[in-house]
């Protein structure tokens, strides 16, 4: 199995805030991420797929195709958006990185399987900051 990766970027705003909690409890849990006026990040998304290189091309998957899928189904939906308000697949969900990667997974596994059934989505990594990121394997 060979793993190939594609990195994409997007900018978005969000707020981590549980409406069922008091302002004080939200601030204690989420700190500045509970800012009532939102806050933003320059996100970095890395999508890894795995498969066997095709004998005719030597490729697991055309990285241009993978990029096109990510851009069309993820980046165009979240880039320069308010994740709490503007993104339909996040309605009613806490827009934490943990939730984002699980939602991204559901979309990408479907789209990648349709476009390239010979490969499997292996991992999604989402960097919120240089030091904070999540990794998801679809489990």
C-alpha atoms as a PDB file:
ATOM      1  CA  UNK A   1       0.000   0.000   0.000  1.00  0.00           C
ATOM      2  CA  UNK A   2       1.275   3.439  -0.909  1.00  0.00           C
ATOM      3  CA  UNK A   3      -0.081   6.542   0.819  1.00  0.00           C
ATOM      4  CA  UNK A   4      -0.335   9.817  -1.080  1.00  0.00           C
ATOM      5  CA  UNK A   5      -1.257  13.153   0.456  1.00  0.00           C
ATOM      6  CA  UNK A   6      -2.734  16.413  -0.728  1.00  0.00           C
ATOM      7  CA  UNK A   7      -2.560  19.633   1.299  1.00  0.00           C
ATOM      8  CA  UNK A   8      -5.127  22.403   0.927  1.00  0.00           C
ATOM      9  CA  UNK A   9      -5.756  25.613   2.865  1.00  0.00           C
ATOM     10  CA  UNK A  10      -8.797  27.577   3.905  1.00  0.00           C
ATOM     11  CA  UNK A  11      -9.617  30.495   6.162  1.00  0.00           C
ATOM     12  CA  UNK A  12     -12.705  30.469   8.339  1.00  0.00           C
ATOM     13  CA  UNK A  13     -14.255  31.917  11.466  1.00  0.00           C
ATOM     14  CA  UNK A  14     -16.054  30.066  14.199  1.00  0.00           C
ATOM     15  CA  UNK A  15     -17.050  30.163  17.833  1.00  0.00           C
ATOM     16  CA  UNK A  16     -16.973  27.275  20.275  1.00  0.00           C
ATOM     17  CA  UNK A  17     -19.997  27.885  22.448  1.00  0.00           C
ATOM     18  CA  UNK A  18     -22.594  25.585  23.977  1.00  0.00           C
ATOM     19  CA  UNK A  19     -25.905  27.472  24.123  1.00  0.00           C
ATOM     20  CA  UNK A  20     -27.085  25.245  26.992  1.00  0.00           C
ATOM     21  CA  UNK A  21     -24.268  26.553  29.212  1.00  0.00           C
ATOM     22  CA  UNK A  22     -23.743  29.899  30.902  1.00  0.00           C
ATOM     23  CA  UNK A  23     -21.345  32.422  29.448  1.00  0.00           C
ATOM     24  CA  UNK A  24     -19.006  31.731  32.358  1.00  0.00           C
ATOM     25  CA  UNK A  25     -18.999  27.980  31.792  1.00  0.00           C
ATOM     26  CA  UNK A  26     -18.350  28.480  28.058  1.00  0.00           C
ATOM     27  CA  UNK A  27     -15.469  30.830  28.781  1.00  0.00           C
ATOM     28  CA  UNK A  28     -14.030  28.403  31.335  1.00  0.00           C
ATOM     29  CA  UNK A  29     -14.218  25.519  28.852  1.00  0.00           C
ATOM     30  CA  UNK A  30     -13.354  27.199  25.552  1.00  0.00           C
ATOM     31  CA  UNK A  31     -11.445  30.317  26.643  1.00  0.00           C
ATOM     32  CA  UNK A  32     -10.986  32.872  23.854  1.00  0.00           C
ATOM     33  CA  UNK A  33     -12.577  30.420  21.398  1.00  0.00           C
ATOM     34  CA  UNK A  34     -15.925  31.306  23.022  1.00  0.00           C
ATOM     35  CA  UNK A  35     -15.534  34.952  21.957  1.00  0.00           C
ATOM     36  CA  UNK A  36     -19.037  36.221  21.231  1.00  0.00           C
ATOM     37  CA  UNK A  37     -17.722  38.034  18.147  1.00  0.00           C
ATOM     38  CA  UNK A  38     -16.104  34.894  16.679  1.00  0.00           C
ATOM     39  CA  UNK A  39     -12.458  34.260  15.889  1.00  0.00           C
ATOM     40  CA  UNK A  40     -10.680  32.912  12.819  1.00  0.00           C
ATOM     41  CA  UNK A  41      -8.001  30.500  11.694  1.00  0.00           C
ATOM     42  CA  UNK A  42      -5.866  29.797   8.667  1.00  0.00           C
ATOM     43  CA  UNK A  43      -6.611  26.087   8.460  1.00  0.00           C
ATOM     44  CA  UNK A  44      -4.424  23.518   6.744  1.00  0.00           C
ATOM     45  CA  UNK A  45      -6.106  20.318   5.573  1.00  0.00           C
ATOM     46  CA  UNK A  46      -4.129  17.210   4.595  1.00  0.00           C
ATOM     47  CA  UNK A  47      -5.981  14.347   2.952  1.00  0.00           C
ATOM     48  CA  UNK A  48      -4.241  10.976   2.630  1.00  0.00           C
ATOM     49  CA  UNK A  49      -5.450   8.180   0.373  1.00  0.00           C
ATOM     50  CA  UNK A  50      -3.930   4.750  -0.053  1.00  0.00           C
ATOM     51  CA  UNK A  51      -3.729   2.178  -2.790  1.00  0.00           C
ATOM     52  CA  UNK A  52      -1.474   0.283  -5.134  1.00  0.00           C
ATOM     53  CA  UNK A  53       0.256   2.209  -7.918  1.00  0.00           C
ATOM     54  CA  UNK A  54      -1.341   1.440 -11.265  1.00  0.00           C
ATOM     55  CA  UNK A  55       1.084  -0.462 -13.527  1.00  0.00           C
ATOM     56  CA  UNK A  56       0.380   1.827 -16.516  1.00  0.00           C
ATOM     57  CA  UNK A  57       0.794   5.167 -14.724  1.00  0.00           C
ATOM     58  CA  UNK A  58       2.766   4.414 -11.573  1.00  0.00           C
ATOM     59  CA  UNK A  59       0.169   6.481  -9.694  1.00  0.00           C
ATOM     60  CA  UNK A  60      -2.059   5.538  -6.785  1.00  0.00           C
ATOM     61  CA  UNK A  61      -4.383   8.388  -7.809  1.00  0.00           C
ATOM     62  CA  UNK A  62      -4.092  11.493  -9.914  1.00  0.00           C
ATOM     63  CA  UNK A  63      -3.320  14.201  -7.336  1.00  0.00           C
ATOM     64  CA  UNK A  64      -5.002  16.798  -9.570  1.00  0.00           C
ATOM     65  CA  UNK A  65      -8.223  14.808  -9.270  1.00  0.00           C
ATOM     66  CA  UNK A  66      -7.839  14.514  -5.491  1.00  0.00           C
ATOM     67  CA  UNK A  67      -7.262  18.263  -5.259  1.00  0.00           C
ATOM     68  CA  UNK A  68     -10.326  18.947  -7.409  1.00  0.00           C
ATOM     69  CA  UNK A  69     -12.504  16.767  -5.153  1.00  0.00           C
ATOM     70  CA  UNK A  70     -11.228  18.441  -1.971  1.00  0.00           C
ATOM     71  CA  UNK A  71     -11.648  21.938  -3.375  1.00  0.00           C
ATOM     72  CA  UNK A  72     -15.129  21.360  -4.782  1.00  0.00           C
ATOM     73  CA  UNK A  73     -16.641  19.494  -1.846  1.00  0.00           C
ATOM     74  CA  UNK A  74     -14.790  20.963   1.144  1.00  0.00           C
ATOM     75  CA  UNK A  75     -12.801  24.127   0.458  1.00  0.00           C
ATOM     76  CA  UNK A  76     -15.504  25.908  -1.552  1.00  0.00           C
ATOM     77  CA  UNK A  77     -17.955  25.169   1.260  1.00  0.00           C
ATOM     78  CA  UNK A  78     -15.834  26.451   4.165  1.00  0.00           C
ATOM     79  CA  UNK A  79     -13.313  28.978   2.827  1.00  0.00           C
ATOM     80  CA  UNK A  80     -13.904  32.514   4.101  1.00  0.00           C
ATOM     81  CA  UNK A  81     -17.075  31.380   5.853  1.00  0.00           C
ATOM     82  CA  UNK A  82     -18.421  31.477   9.372  1.00  0.00           C
ATOM     83  CA  UNK A  83     -18.503  27.771  10.219  1.00  0.00           C
ATOM     84  CA  UNK A  84     -21.296  28.265  12.767  1.00  0.00           C
ATOM     85  CA  UNK A  85     -23.597  30.122  10.376  1.00  0.00           C
ATOM     86  CA  UNK A  86     -22.673  29.563   6.731  1.00  0.00           C
ATOM     87  CA  UNK A  87     -21.873  25.863   6.304  1.00  0.00           C
ATOM     88  CA  UNK A  88     -24.896  23.630   5.756  1.00  0.00           C
ATOM     89  CA  UNK A  89     -23.251  20.361   6.830  1.00  0.00           C
ATOM     90  CA  UNK A  90     -22.295  21.941  10.174  1.00  0.00           C
ATOM     91  CA  UNK A  91     -25.739  23.304  11.082  1.00  0.00           C
ATOM     92  CA  UNK A  92     -26.524  22.468  14.691  1.00  0.00           C
ATOM     93  CA  UNK A  93     -23.038  21.052  15.331  1.00  0.00           C
ATOM     94  CA  UNK A  94     -20.140  22.399  17.366  1.00  0.00           C
ATOM     95  CA  UNK A  95     -17.563  23.478  14.740  1.00  0.00           C
ATOM     96  CA  UNK A  96     -14.541  22.100  16.588  1.00  0.00           C
ATOM     97  CA  UNK A  97     -11.711  20.574  14.573  1.00  0.00           C
ATOM     98  CA  UNK A  98     -12.812  17.168  15.834  1.00  0.00           C
ATOM     99  CA  UNK A  99     -16.290  17.624  14.358  1.00  0.00           C
ATOM    100  CA  UNK A 100     -14.906  19.210  11.177  1.00  0.00           C
ATOM    101  CA  UNK A 101     -12.731  16.194  10.334  1.00  0.00           C
ATOM    102  CA  UNK A 102     -15.571  13.738  10.894  1.00  0.00           C
ATOM    103  CA  UNK A 103     -17.851  15.770   8.625  1.00  0.00           C
ATOM    104  CA  UNK A 104     -15.096  16.163   6.021  1.00  0.00           C
ATOM    105  CA  UNK A 105     -14.541  12.400   6.154  1.00  0.00           C
ATOM    106  CA  UNK A 106     -18.188  11.604   5.364  1.00  0.00           C
ATOM    107  CA  UNK A 107     -18.073  13.859   2.320  1.00  0.00           C
ATOM    108  CA  UNK A 108     -14.650  12.833   1.039  1.00  0.00           C
ATOM    109  CA  UNK A 109     -15.046   9.075   1.472  1.00  0.00           C
ATOM    110  CA  UNK A 110     -18.161   9.238  -0.714  1.00  0.00           C
ATOM    111  CA  UNK A 111     -16.636  11.500  -3.375  1.00  0.00           C
ATOM    112  CA  UNK A 112     -13.277   9.709  -3.562  1.00  0.00           C
ATOM    113  CA  UNK A 113     -14.948   6.302  -3.784  1.00  0.00           C
ATOM    114  CA  UNK A 114     -17.129   7.553  -6.639  1.00  0.00           C
ATOM    115  CA  UNK A 115     -14.207   9.071  -8.562  1.00  0.00           C
ATOM    116  CA  UNK A 116     -11.493   6.511  -7.827  1.00  0.00           C
ATOM    117  CA  UNK A 117     -12.899   3.263  -6.396  1.00  0.00           C
ATOM    118  CA  UNK A 118      -9.455   1.636  -6.476  1.00  0.00           C
ATOM    119  CA  UNK A 119      -8.190   3.877  -3.647  1.00  0.00           C
ATOM    120  CA  UNK A 120      -9.251   4.298  -0.042  1.00  0.00           C
ATOM    121  CA  UNK A 121      -9.413   7.403   2.084  1.00  0.00           C
ATOM    122  CA  UNK A 122      -6.847   6.732   4.812  1.00  0.00           C
ATOM    123  CA  UNK A 123      -6.538   9.837   6.980  1.00  0.00           C
ATOM    124  CA  UNK A 124      -7.555  13.466   7.319  1.00  0.00           C
ATOM    125  CA  UNK A 125      -5.410  15.927   9.263  1.00  0.00           C
ATOM    126  CA  UNK A 126      -6.684  19.391  10.079  1.00  0.00           C
ATOM    127  CA  UNK A 127      -4.342  22.023  11.484  1.00  0.00           C
ATOM    128  CA  UNK A 128      -6.116  24.836  13.282  1.00  0.00           C
ATOM    129  CA  UNK A 129      -2.842  26.453  14.331  1.00  0.00           C
ATOM    130  CA  UNK A 130       0.790  25.547  13.850  1.00  0.00           C
ATOM    131  CA  UNK A 131       0.693  23.665  17.151  1.00  0.00           C
ATOM    132  CA  UNK A 132      -2.873  22.317  17.310  1.00  0.00           C
ATOM    133  CA  UNK A 133      -4.220  19.737  14.909  1.00  0.00           C
ATOM    134  CA  UNK A 134      -6.425  16.667  14.736  1.00  0.00           C
ATOM    135  CA  UNK A 135      -6.021  13.437  12.809  1.00  0.00           C
ATOM    136  CA  UNK A 136      -8.922  11.136  11.828  1.00  0.00           C
ATOM    137  CA  UNK A 137      -8.923   7.657  10.298  1.00  0.00           C
ATOM    138  CA  UNK A 138     -12.660   7.187   9.905  1.00  0.00           C
ATOM    139  CA  UNK A 139     -13.065   5.091  13.022  1.00  0.00           C
END
